[in-house]
Amino acid sequence: MFLGRGGNFANWYKRRISRIYPSIFAWAILTAMIGFKTFDIVEIVLGGGCWFVTCIMLYYIVQYFVKKHAEFRPAYPFIIACAIVLIWYFLEDKSTFFMYWYTYFRWGHFFLFMLLGAYIGNNTIPVKLRPKTDVFLFFASLCVFYGMFICGTVFRIQFINNIQILSLLTLMGVSFYLYKICCFDSIKSLMTTKKGLYIRFISGLCLEAILVQPFLFTNKMNFLFPLNIPIMFVYIFVIAYITRMLGRIFRQVFQKEYFCMKEVIKLID
């Protein structure tokens, strides 16, 4: 987020819109054609067709001013963001493990991850690789997070519900140490191989996959278990790729340059 071009807010935000909204418009057209759902213009423009799009577009507004005034000073943005999250948390009903479900509270605490990624990206938060320790801490963070999640949602242990805010630390640990693992030389070498190309292709469809999957999930293939899992995986990413191609076409319609089909169908940006 802090590595791109600066400039005034309007042009900076325009670049964010041009990255995300072509795929949203493309998916809105596809859903209407296929019959999944018909979005109205307000849902598309203001809501992006999905909660996380609205969330990200709001984050971008805040992130611009963080970039402008505190690009290399992470302390103040983190302190302010954490204070807001904690105050918000104590005003919430903690009788259930609610933080990652359908609640506006997640709109607040997920911003911490965007901040973390931005400051790691511009090297303000240093990353020193320690392979064995990083792998251990990644799995430890993952286990503790899902341990708390299961205890709070399945076993409904009230003590865990009361301290569920601490699960944010473990989830941030998962994100941070997974990033460090991806910086290992062995992983970088893997990314240059054929397997790495597949990984980069799938990861490049992240936005589109999240957009389409709520409308594609179904239990009609449960009788095929466990084959239904890879079938659904392929199904989601095929539709996501089609959505991305249509989004690229949509973007090129409003550009001055001629159409370039290579840009439309290319697998990896």
C-alpha atoms as a PDB file:
ATOM      1  CA  MET A   1       0.000   0.000   0.000  1.00  0.00           C
ATOM      2  CA  PHE A   2       2.868   2.412   0.750  1.00  0.00           C
ATOM      3  CA  LEU A   3       4.982   1.409  -2.257  1.00  0.00           C
ATOM      4  CA  GLY A   4       2.732   2.749  -5.015  1.00  0.00           C
ATOM      5  CA  ARG A   5       2.643   6.213  -6.467  1.00  0.00           C
ATOM      6  CA  GLY A   6       1.505   9.034  -4.246  1.00  0.00           C
ATOM      7  CA  GLY A   7      -0.181  12.137  -5.591  1.00  0.00           C
ATOM      8  CA  ASN A   8      -3.411  13.751  -4.499  1.00  0.00           C
ATOM      9  CA  PHE A   9      -6.199  11.731  -2.947  1.00  0.00           C
ATOM     10  CA  ALA A  10      -8.489  11.739  -5.993  1.00  0.00           C
ATOM     11  CA  ASN A  11      -5.901  10.186  -8.314  1.00  0.00           C
ATOM     12  CA  TRP A  12      -4.643   7.778  -5.658  1.00  0.00           C
ATOM     13  CA  TYR A  13      -8.167   6.557  -4.897  1.00  0.00           C
ATOM     14  CA  LYS A  14      -8.970   6.352  -8.600  1.00  0.00           C
ATOM     15  CA  ARG A  15      -6.174   3.785  -9.025  1.00  0.00           C
ATOM     16  CA  ARG A  16      -7.664   1.698  -6.208  1.00  0.00           C
ATOM     17  CA  ILE A  17     -11.094   1.833  -7.855  1.00  0.00           C
ATOM     18  CA  SER A  18      -9.694   0.864 -11.256  1.00  0.00           C
ATOM     19  CA  ARG A  19      -8.110  -2.217  -9.704  1.00  0.00           C
ATOM     20  CA  ILE A  20     -11.193  -3.514  -7.895  1.00  0.00           C
ATOM     21  CA  TYR A  21     -14.363  -2.276  -9.559  1.00  0.00           C
ATOM     22  CA  PRO A  22     -13.979  -3.688 -13.094  1.00  0.00           C
ATOM     23  CA  SER A  23     -14.212  -7.203 -11.617  1.00  0.00           C
ATOM     24  CA  ILE A  24     -17.197  -6.132  -9.519  1.00  0.00           C
ATOM     25  CA  PHE A  25     -19.053  -4.786 -12.545  1.00  0.00           C
ATOM     26  CA  ALA A  26     -18.157  -7.932 -14.482  1.00  0.00           C
ATOM     27  CA  TRP A  27     -19.477 -10.174 -11.697  1.00  0.00           C
ATOM     28  CA  ALA A  28     -22.680  -8.118 -11.440  1.00  0.00           C
ATOM     29  CA  ILE A  29     -23.272  -8.684 -15.154  1.00  0.00           C
ATOM     30  CA  LEU A  30     -22.476 -12.404 -14.861  1.00  0.00           C
ATOM     31  CA  THR A  31     -24.796 -12.945 -11.887  1.00  0.00           C
ATOM     32  CA  ALA A  32     -27.644 -11.262 -13.773  1.00  0.00           C
ATOM     33  CA  MET A  33     -27.002 -13.375 -16.869  1.00  0.00           C
ATOM     34  CA  ILE A  34     -26.640 -16.674 -14.995  1.00  0.00           C
ATOM     35  CA  GLY A  35     -29.525 -15.913 -12.658  1.00  0.00           C
ATOM     36  CA  PHE A  36     -27.730 -16.015  -9.306  1.00  0.00           C
ATOM     37  CA  LYS A  37     -28.750 -12.524  -8.256  1.00  0.00           C
ATOM     38  CA  THR A  38     -29.549  -9.125  -9.740  1.00  0.00           C
ATOM     39  CA  PHE A  39     -27.625  -6.284  -8.084  1.00  0.00           C
ATOM     40  CA  ASP A  40     -28.997  -2.767  -8.185  1.00  0.00           C
ATOM     41  CA  ILE A  41     -26.671   0.131  -8.926  1.00  0.00           C
ATOM     42  CA  VAL A  42     -26.506   1.218  -5.260  1.00  0.00           C
ATOM     43  CA  GLU A  43     -25.342  -2.242  -4.173  1.00  0.00           C
ATOM     44  CA  ILE A  44     -22.669  -2.252  -6.857  1.00  0.00           C
ATOM     45  CA  VAL A  45     -21.321   1.278  -6.444  1.00  0.00           C
ATOM     46  CA  LEU A  46     -21.604   1.721  -2.667  1.00  0.00           C
ATOM     47  CA  GLY A  47     -21.462  -1.891  -1.529  1.00  0.00           C
ATOM     48  CA  GLY A  48     -19.310  -3.451  -4.211  1.00  0.00           C
ATOM     49  CA  GLY A  49     -21.669  -6.410  -4.194  1.00  0.00           C
ATOM     50  CA  CYS A  50     -19.950  -7.794  -1.097  1.00  0.00           C
ATOM     51  CA  TRP A  51     -19.212  -6.546   2.428  1.00  0.00           C
ATOM     52  CA  PHE A  52     -15.443  -6.868   2.188  1.00  0.00           C
ATOM     53  CA  VAL A  53     -15.297  -4.579  -0.876  1.00  0.00           C
ATOM     54  CA  THR A  54     -17.001  -1.776   1.058  1.00  0.00           C
ATOM     55  CA  CYS A  55     -14.635  -2.491   3.923  1.00  0.00           C
ATOM     56  CA  ILE A  56     -11.520  -2.301   1.731  1.00  0.00           C
ATOM     57  CA  MET A  57     -12.636   0.887  -0.009  1.00  0.00           C
ATOM     58  CA  LEU A  58     -13.132   2.545   3.387  1.00  0.00           C
ATOM     59  CA  TYR A  59      -9.723   1.287   4.506  1.00  0.00           C
ATOM     60  CA  TYR A  60      -8.141   2.888   1.450  1.00  0.00           C
ATOM     61  CA  ILE A  61      -9.430   6.298   2.513  1.00  0.00           C
ATOM     62  CA  VAL A  62      -7.856   5.979   5.958  1.00  0.00           C
ATOM     63  CA  GLN A  63      -4.719   4.387   4.525  1.00  0.00           C
ATOM     64  CA  TYR A  64      -4.117   7.344   2.211  1.00  0.00           C
ATOM     65  CA  PHE A  65      -3.865   9.731   5.151  1.00  0.00           C
ATOM     66  CA  VAL A  66      -1.721   7.272   7.097  1.00  0.00           C
ATOM     67  CA  LYS A  67       0.607   7.076   4.074  1.00  0.00           C
ATOM     68  CA  LYS A  68       0.689  10.860   3.755  1.00  0.00           C
ATOM     69  CA  HIS A  69       1.309  11.715   7.405  1.00  0.00           C
ATOM     70  CA  ALA A  70       2.848   8.616   9.019  1.00  0.00           C
ATOM     71  CA  GLU A  71       4.359   6.493   6.255  1.00  0.00           C
ATOM     72  CA  PHE A  72       7.430   5.608   8.327  1.00  0.00           C
ATOM     73  CA  ARG A  73       5.955   6.129  11.798  1.00  0.00           C
ATOM     74  CA  PRO A  74       3.829   3.072  12.620  1.00  0.00           C
ATOM     75  CA  ALA A  75       3.421   3.751  16.343  1.00  0.00           C
ATOM     76  CA  TYR A  76       0.693   6.400  16.150  1.00  0.00           C
ATOM     77  CA  PRO A  77      -1.540   4.655  13.563  1.00  0.00           C
ATOM     78  CA  PHE A  78      -1.305   1.362  15.451  1.00  0.00           C
ATOM     79  CA  ILE A  79      -2.016   2.981  18.827  1.00  0.00           C
ATOM     80  CA  ILE A  80      -5.054   4.842  17.480  1.00  0.00           C
ATOM     81  CA  ALA A  81      -6.371   1.791  15.597  1.00  0.00           C
ATOM     82  CA  CYS A  82      -5.875  -0.517  18.589  1.00  0.00           C
ATOM     83  CA  ALA A  83      -7.564   1.974  20.915  1.00  0.00           C
ATOM     84  CA  ILE A  84     -10.603   2.171  18.627  1.00  0.00           C
ATOM     85  CA  VAL A  85     -10.763  -1.623  18.329  1.00  0.00           C
ATOM     86  CA  LEU A  86     -10.517  -2.123  22.115  1.00  0.00           C
ATOM     87  CA  ILE A  87     -13.183   0.489  22.924  1.00  0.00           C
ATOM     88  CA  TRP A  88     -15.453  -1.010  20.255  1.00  0.00           C
ATOM     89  CA  TYR A  89     -14.802  -4.498  21.621  1.00  0.00           C
ATOM     90  CA  PHE A  90     -15.804  -3.617  25.172  1.00  0.00           C
ATOM     91  CA  LEU A  91     -19.085  -2.201  23.882  1.00  0.00           C
ATOM     92  CA  GLU A  92     -19.950  -5.479  22.142  1.00  0.00           C
ATOM     93  CA  ASP A  93     -21.894  -8.427  23.536  1.00  0.00           C
ATOM     94  CA  LYS A  94     -19.324 -11.117  24.312  1.00  0.00           C
ATOM     95  CA  SER A  95     -21.741 -13.925  25.132  1.00  0.00           C
ATOM     96  CA  THR A  96     -20.665 -15.616  21.880  1.00  0.00           C
ATOM     97  CA  PHE A  97     -17.462 -15.851  19.840  1.00  0.00           C
ATOM     98  CA  PHE A  98     -18.602 -13.138  17.446  1.00  0.00           C
ATOM     99  CA  MET A  99     -15.507 -11.384  16.098  1.00  0.00           C
ATOM    100  CA  TYR A 100     -15.223 -13.160  12.750  1.00  0.00           C
ATOM    101  CA  TRP A 101     -18.907 -13.573  11.927  1.00  0.00           C
ATOM    102  CA  TYR A 102     -21.407 -11.150  10.419  1.00  0.00           C
ATOM    103  CA  THR A 103     -20.629  -8.130  12.548  1.00  0.00           C
ATOM    104  CA  TYR A 104     -19.420  -4.624  11.793  1.00  0.00           C
ATOM    105  CA  PHE A 105     -16.769  -5.092  14.469  1.00  0.00           C
ATOM    106  CA  ARG A 106     -14.643  -7.071  12.022  1.00  0.00           C
ATOM    107  CA  TRP A 107     -14.575  -3.957   9.817  1.00  0.00           C
ATOM    108  CA  GLY A 108     -12.559  -2.353  12.591  1.00  0.00           C
ATOM    109  CA  HIS A 109     -10.075  -5.018  13.606  1.00  0.00           C
ATOM    110  CA  PHE A 110      -9.228  -6.205  10.089  1.00  0.00           C
ATOM    111  CA  PHE A 111      -7.746  -2.756   9.439  1.00  0.00           C
ATOM    112  CA  LEU A 112      -4.869  -3.731  11.730  1.00  0.00           C
ATOM    113  CA  PHE A 113      -3.827  -6.347   9.166  1.00  0.00           C
ATOM    114  CA  MET A 114      -3.750  -3.768   6.383  1.00  0.00           C
ATOM    115  CA  LEU A 115      -1.585  -1.532   8.539  1.00  0.00           C
ATOM    116  CA  LEU A 116       0.749  -4.416   9.340  1.00  0.00           C
ATOM    117  CA  GLY A 117       1.111  -5.342   5.676  1.00  0.00           C
ATOM    118  CA  ALA A 118       1.736  -1.739   4.619  1.00  0.00           C
ATOM    119  CA  TYR A 119       4.500  -1.164   7.155  1.00  0.00           C
ATOM    120  CA  ILE A 120       6.146  -4.506   6.434  1.00  0.00           C
ATOM    121  CA  GLY A 121       5.977  -3.722   2.720  1.00  0.00           C
ATOM    122  CA  ASN A 122       7.931  -0.466   3.061  1.00  0.00           C
ATOM    123  CA  ASN A 123      10.413  -2.065   5.508  1.00  0.00           C
ATOM    124  CA  THR A 124       9.403   0.146   8.430  1.00  0.00           C
ATOM    125  CA  ILE A 125       8.732  -3.059  10.363  1.00  0.00           C
ATOM    126  CA  PRO A 126      11.900  -5.107   9.791  1.00  0.00           C
ATOM    127  CA  VAL A 127      11.657  -8.751   8.797  1.00  0.00           C
ATOM    128  CA  LYS A 128      14.552 -10.928   9.956  1.00  0.00           C
ATOM    129  CA  LEU A 129      14.248 -14.497   8.743  1.00  0.00           C
ATOM    130  CA  ARG A 130      14.786 -17.330  11.228  1.00  0.00           C
ATOM    131  CA  PRO A 131      13.476 -20.395   9.378  1.00  0.00           C
ATOM    132  CA  LYS A 132      12.994 -22.893  12.213  1.00  0.00           C
ATOM    133  CA  THR A 133      11.615 -20.319  14.639  1.00  0.00           C
ATOM    134  CA  ASP A 134       9.353 -18.739  12.018  1.00  0.00           C
ATOM    135  CA  VAL A 135       7.848 -22.082  10.995  1.00  0.00           C
ATOM    136  CA  PHE A 136       7.291 -23.047  14.638  1.00  0.00           C
ATOM    137  CA  LEU A 137       5.665 -19.707  15.512  1.00  0.00           C
ATOM    138  CA  PHE A 138       3.468 -19.878  12.410  1.00  0.00           C
ATOM    139  CA  PHE A 139       2.028 -23.256  13.402  1.00  0.00           C
ATOM    140  CA  ALA A 140       1.840 -22.276  17.070  1.00  0.00           C
ATOM    141  CA  SER A 141      -0.145 -19.124  16.184  1.00  0.00           C
ATOM    142  CA  LEU A 142      -2.382 -21.150  13.866  1.00  0.00           C
ATOM    143  CA  CYS A 143      -3.096 -23.783  16.510  1.00  0.00           C
ATOM    144  CA  VAL A 144      -3.811 -21.248  19.246  1.00  0.00           C
ATOM    145  CA  PHE A 145      -6.133 -19.259  16.979  1.00  0.00           C
ATOM    146  CA  TYR A 146      -8.181 -22.266  15.909  1.00  0.00           C
ATOM    147  CA  GLY A 147      -8.074 -23.625  19.449  1.00  0.00           C
ATOM    148  CA  MET A 148      -9.707 -20.451  20.722  1.00  0.00           C
ATOM    149  CA  PHE A 149     -12.124 -20.406  17.794  1.00  0.00           C
ATOM    150  CA  ILE A 150     -13.260 -23.996  18.371  1.00  0.00           C
ATOM    151  CA  CYS A 151     -13.516 -23.548  22.146  1.00  0.00           C
ATOM    152  CA  GLY A 152     -15.627 -20.433  21.649  1.00  0.00           C
ATOM    153  CA  THR A 153     -17.896 -21.632  18.824  1.00  0.00           C
ATOM    154  CA  VAL A 154     -18.178 -25.408  19.290  1.00  0.00           C
ATOM    155  CA  PHE A 155     -17.741 -25.866  23.039  1.00  0.00           C
ATOM    156  CA  ARG A 156     -19.018 -22.371  23.857  1.00  0.00           C
ATOM    157  CA  ILE A 157     -16.632 -21.793  26.719  1.00  0.00           C
ATOM    158  CA  GLN A 158     -17.581 -18.385  28.111  1.00  0.00           C
ATOM    159  CA  PHE A 159     -14.087 -17.612  29.399  1.00  0.00           C
ATOM    160  CA  ILE A 160     -12.752 -17.901  25.844  1.00  0.00           C
ATOM    161  CA  ASN A 161     -15.558 -15.661  24.585  1.00  0.00           C
ATOM    162  CA  ASN A 162     -14.595 -13.038  27.158  1.00  0.00           C
ATOM    163  CA  ILE A 163     -10.955 -12.957  26.004  1.00  0.00           C
ATOM    164  CA  GLN A 164     -11.567 -13.540  22.283  1.00  0.00           C
ATOM    165  CA  ILE A 165      -9.921 -10.201  21.471  1.00  0.00           C
ATOM    166  CA  LEU A 166      -6.614 -11.957  22.144  1.00  0.00           C
ATOM    167  CA  SER A 167      -7.243 -14.173  19.131  1.00  0.00           C
ATOM    168  CA  LEU A 168      -6.340 -11.130  17.018  1.00  0.00           C
ATOM    169  CA  LEU A 169      -2.739 -11.443  18.207  1.00  0.00           C
ATOM    170  CA  THR A 170      -2.567 -15.056  17.113  1.00  0.00           C
ATOM    171  CA  LEU A 171      -4.192 -14.293  13.750  1.00  0.00           C
ATOM    172  CA  MET A 172      -1.722 -11.472  13.164  1.00  0.00           C
ATOM    173  CA  GLY A 173       1.008 -13.923  14.096  1.00  0.00           C
ATOM    174  CA  VAL A 174      -0.292 -16.329  11.436  1.00  0.00           C
ATOM    175  CA  SER A 175      -0.179 -13.541   8.829  1.00  0.00           C
ATOM    176  CA  PHE A 176       3.236 -12.228   9.871  1.00  0.00           C
ATOM    177  CA  TYR A 177       5.024 -15.572  10.078  1.00  0.00           C
ATOM    178  CA  LEU A 178       3.413 -16.858   6.886  1.00  0.00           C
ATOM    179  CA  TYR A 179       4.812 -13.774   5.156  1.00  0.00           C
ATOM    180  CA  LYS A 180       8.253 -14.555   6.572  1.00  0.00           C
ATOM    181  CA  ILE A 181       7.990 -18.157   5.376  1.00  0.00           C
ATOM    182  CA  CYS A 182       7.146 -16.890   1.887  1.00  0.00           C
ATOM    183  CA  CYS A 183      10.382 -14.873   1.975  1.00  0.00           C
ATOM    184  CA  PHE A 184      12.525 -17.999   2.409  1.00  0.00           C
ATOM    185  CA  ASP A 185      14.922 -18.656  -0.471  1.00  0.00           C
ATOM    186  CA  SER A 186      13.384 -22.081  -0.996  1.00  0.00           C
ATOM    187  CA  ILE A 187       9.923 -20.540  -1.467  1.00  0.00           C
ATOM    188  CA  LYS A 188      11.282 -17.870  -3.800  1.00  0.00           C
ATOM    189  CA  SER A 189      12.898 -20.625  -5.871  1.00  0.00           C
ATOM    190  CA  LEU A 190       9.616 -22.542  -5.902  1.00  0.00           C
ATOM    191  CA  MET A 191       7.821 -19.488  -7.323  1.00  0.00           C
ATOM    192  CA  THR A 192      10.033 -19.650 -10.436  1.00  0.00           C
ATOM    193  CA  THR A 193       9.029 -23.250 -11.198  1.00  0.00           C
ATOM    194  CA  LYS A 194       5.895 -24.564 -12.897  1.00  0.00           C
ATOM    195  CA  LYS A 195       4.322 -25.271  -9.495  1.00  0.00           C
ATOM    196  CA  GLY A 196       5.052 -21.690  -8.516  1.00  0.00           C
ATOM    197  CA  LEU A 197       3.231 -20.417 -11.584  1.00  0.00           C
ATOM    198  CA  TYR A 198       0.116 -22.335 -10.517  1.00  0.00           C
ATOM    199  CA  ILE A 199       0.360 -20.837  -7.033  1.00  0.00           C
ATOM    200  CA  ARG A 200       0.762 -17.320  -8.443  1.00  0.00           C
ATOM    201  CA  PHE A 201      -2.181 -17.836 -10.791  1.00  0.00           C
ATOM    202  CA  ILE A 202      -4.478 -18.967  -7.968  1.00  0.00           C
ATOM    203  CA  SER A 203      -3.339 -16.221  -5.587  1.00  0.00           C
ATOM    204  CA  GLY A 204      -3.867 -13.637  -8.329  1.00  0.00           C
ATOM    205  CA  LEU A 205      -7.550 -14.586  -8.402  1.00  0.00           C
ATOM    206  CA  CYS A 206      -8.035 -13.806  -4.711  1.00  0.00           C
ATOM    207  CA  LEU A 207     -10.398 -10.851  -5.230  1.00  0.00           C
ATOM    208  CA  GLU A 208     -12.527 -12.587  -7.832  1.00  0.00           C
ATOM    209  CA  ALA A 209     -12.655 -15.884  -5.907  1.00  0.00           C
ATOM    210  CA  ILE A 210     -13.940 -14.121  -2.782  1.00  0.00           C
ATOM    211  CA  LEU A 211     -16.503 -12.272  -4.899  1.00  0.00           C
ATOM    212  CA  VAL A 212     -17.948 -15.356  -6.577  1.00  0.00           C
ATOM    213  CA  GLN A 213     -17.748 -18.084  -3.950  1.00  0.00           C
ATOM    214  CA  PRO A 214     -20.774 -17.065  -1.812  1.00  0.00           C
ATOM    215  CA  PHE A 215     -22.979 -17.589  -4.862  1.00  0.00           C
ATOM    216  CA  LEU A 216     -21.378 -20.878  -5.926  1.00  0.00           C
ATOM    217  CA  PHE A 217     -21.214 -22.851  -2.682  1.00  0.00           C
ATOM    218  CA  THR A 218     -23.753 -25.662  -2.686  1.00  0.00           C
ATOM    219  CA  ASN A 219     -24.506 -28.882  -0.825  1.00  0.00           C
ATOM    220  CA  LYS A 220     -25.926 -30.554  -3.929  1.00  0.00           C
ATOM    221  CA  MET A 221     -22.629 -32.351  -4.520  1.00  0.00           C
ATOM    222  CA  ASN A 222     -22.253 -33.699  -0.984  1.00  0.00           C
ATOM    223  CA  PHE A 223     -23.017 -37.219  -2.221  1.00  0.00           C
ATOM    224  CA  LEU A 224     -19.675 -37.070  -4.070  1.00  0.00           C
ATOM    225  CA  PHE A 225     -17.650 -36.444  -0.888  1.00  0.00           C
ATOM    226  CA  PRO A 226     -14.678 -36.067  -0.831  1.00  0.00           C
ATOM    227  CA  LEU A 227     -14.548 -35.414  -4.587  1.00  0.00           C
ATOM    228  CA  ASN A 228     -16.957 -32.507  -4.180  1.00  0.00           C
ATOM    229  CA  ILE A 229     -14.202 -30.458  -2.517  1.00  0.00           C
ATOM    230  CA  PRO A 230     -11.728 -30.367  -5.466  1.00  0.00           C
ATOM    231  CA  ILE A 231     -14.641 -30.083  -7.914  1.00  0.00           C
ATOM    232  CA  MET A 232     -15.966 -27.015  -6.063  1.00  0.00           C
ATOM    233  CA  PHE A 233     -12.440 -25.583  -5.865  1.00  0.00           C
ATOM    234  CA  VAL A 234     -11.976 -25.851  -9.635  1.00  0.00           C
ATOM    235  CA  TYR A 235     -15.502 -24.538 -10.256  1.00  0.00           C
ATOM    236  CA  ILE A 236     -14.889 -21.421  -8.142  1.00  0.00           C
ATOM    237  CA  PHE A 237     -11.567 -20.600  -9.788  1.00  0.00           C
ATOM    238  CA  VAL A 238     -12.861 -21.155 -13.325  1.00  0.00           C
ATOM    239  CA  ILE A 239     -15.706 -18.689 -12.676  1.00  0.00           C
ATOM    240  CA  ALA A 240     -13.261 -16.343 -10.919  1.00  0.00           C
ATOM    241  CA  TYR A 241     -10.958 -16.400 -13.957  1.00  0.00           C
ATOM    242  CA  ILE A 242     -13.864 -15.677 -16.293  1.00  0.00           C
ATOM    243  CA  THR A 243     -14.860 -12.792 -14.038  1.00  0.00           C
ATOM    244  CA  ARG A 244     -11.336 -11.408 -14.107  1.00  0.00           C
ATOM    245  CA  MET A 245     -11.190 -11.606 -17.918  1.00  0.00           C
ATOM    246  CA  LEU A 246     -14.497  -9.755 -18.198  1.00  0.00           C
ATOM    247  CA  GLY A 247     -13.237  -7.216 -15.693  1.00  0.00           C
ATOM    248  CA  ARG A 248     -10.129  -6.602 -17.786  1.00  0.00           C
ATOM    249  CA  ILE A 249     -12.290  -6.130 -20.873  1.00  0.00           C
ATOM    250  CA  PHE A 250     -14.448  -3.693 -18.911  1.00  0.00           C
ATOM    251  CA  ARG A 251     -11.327  -1.771 -17.826  1.00  0.00           C
ATOM    252  CA  GLN A 252      -9.951  -1.573 -21.363  1.00  0.00           C
ATOM    253  CA  VAL A 253     -13.248  -0.193 -22.686  1.00  0.00           C
ATOM    254  CA  PHE A 254     -12.606   3.009 -20.724  1.00  0.00           C
ATOM    255  CA  GLN A 255      -8.909   3.316 -21.578  1.00  0.00           C
ATOM    256  CA  LYS A 256      -7.467   5.268 -24.497  1.00  0.00           C
ATOM    257  CA  GLU A 257      -5.315   2.366 -25.692  1.00  0.00           C
ATOM    258  CA  TYR A 258      -6.472  -0.294 -28.168  1.00  0.00           C
ATOM    259  CA  PHE A 259      -7.814  -3.602 -26.913  1.00  0.00           C
ATOM    260  CA  CYS A 260      -5.094  -6.096 -26.012  1.00  0.00           C
ATOM    261  CA  MET A 261      -6.411  -9.647 -25.733  1.00  0.00           C
ATOM    262  CA  LYS A 262      -3.095 -10.850 -24.303  1.00  0.00           C
ATOM    263  CA  GLU A 263      -3.733  -8.608 -21.309  1.00  0.00           C
ATOM    264  CA  VAL A 264      -7.248  -9.998 -20.983  1.00  0.00           C
ATOM    265  CA  ILE A 265      -6.330 -13.707 -20.945  1.00  0.00           C
ATOM    266  CA  LYS A 266      -2.900 -13.627 -19.298  1.00  0.00           C
ATOM    267  CA  LEU A 267      -2.726 -15.901 -16.266  1.00  0.00           C
ATOM    268  CA  ILE A 268      -0.292 -13.946 -14.104  1.00  0.00           C
ATOM    269  CA  ASP A 269      -0.031 -10.185 -13.656  1.00  0.00           C
END
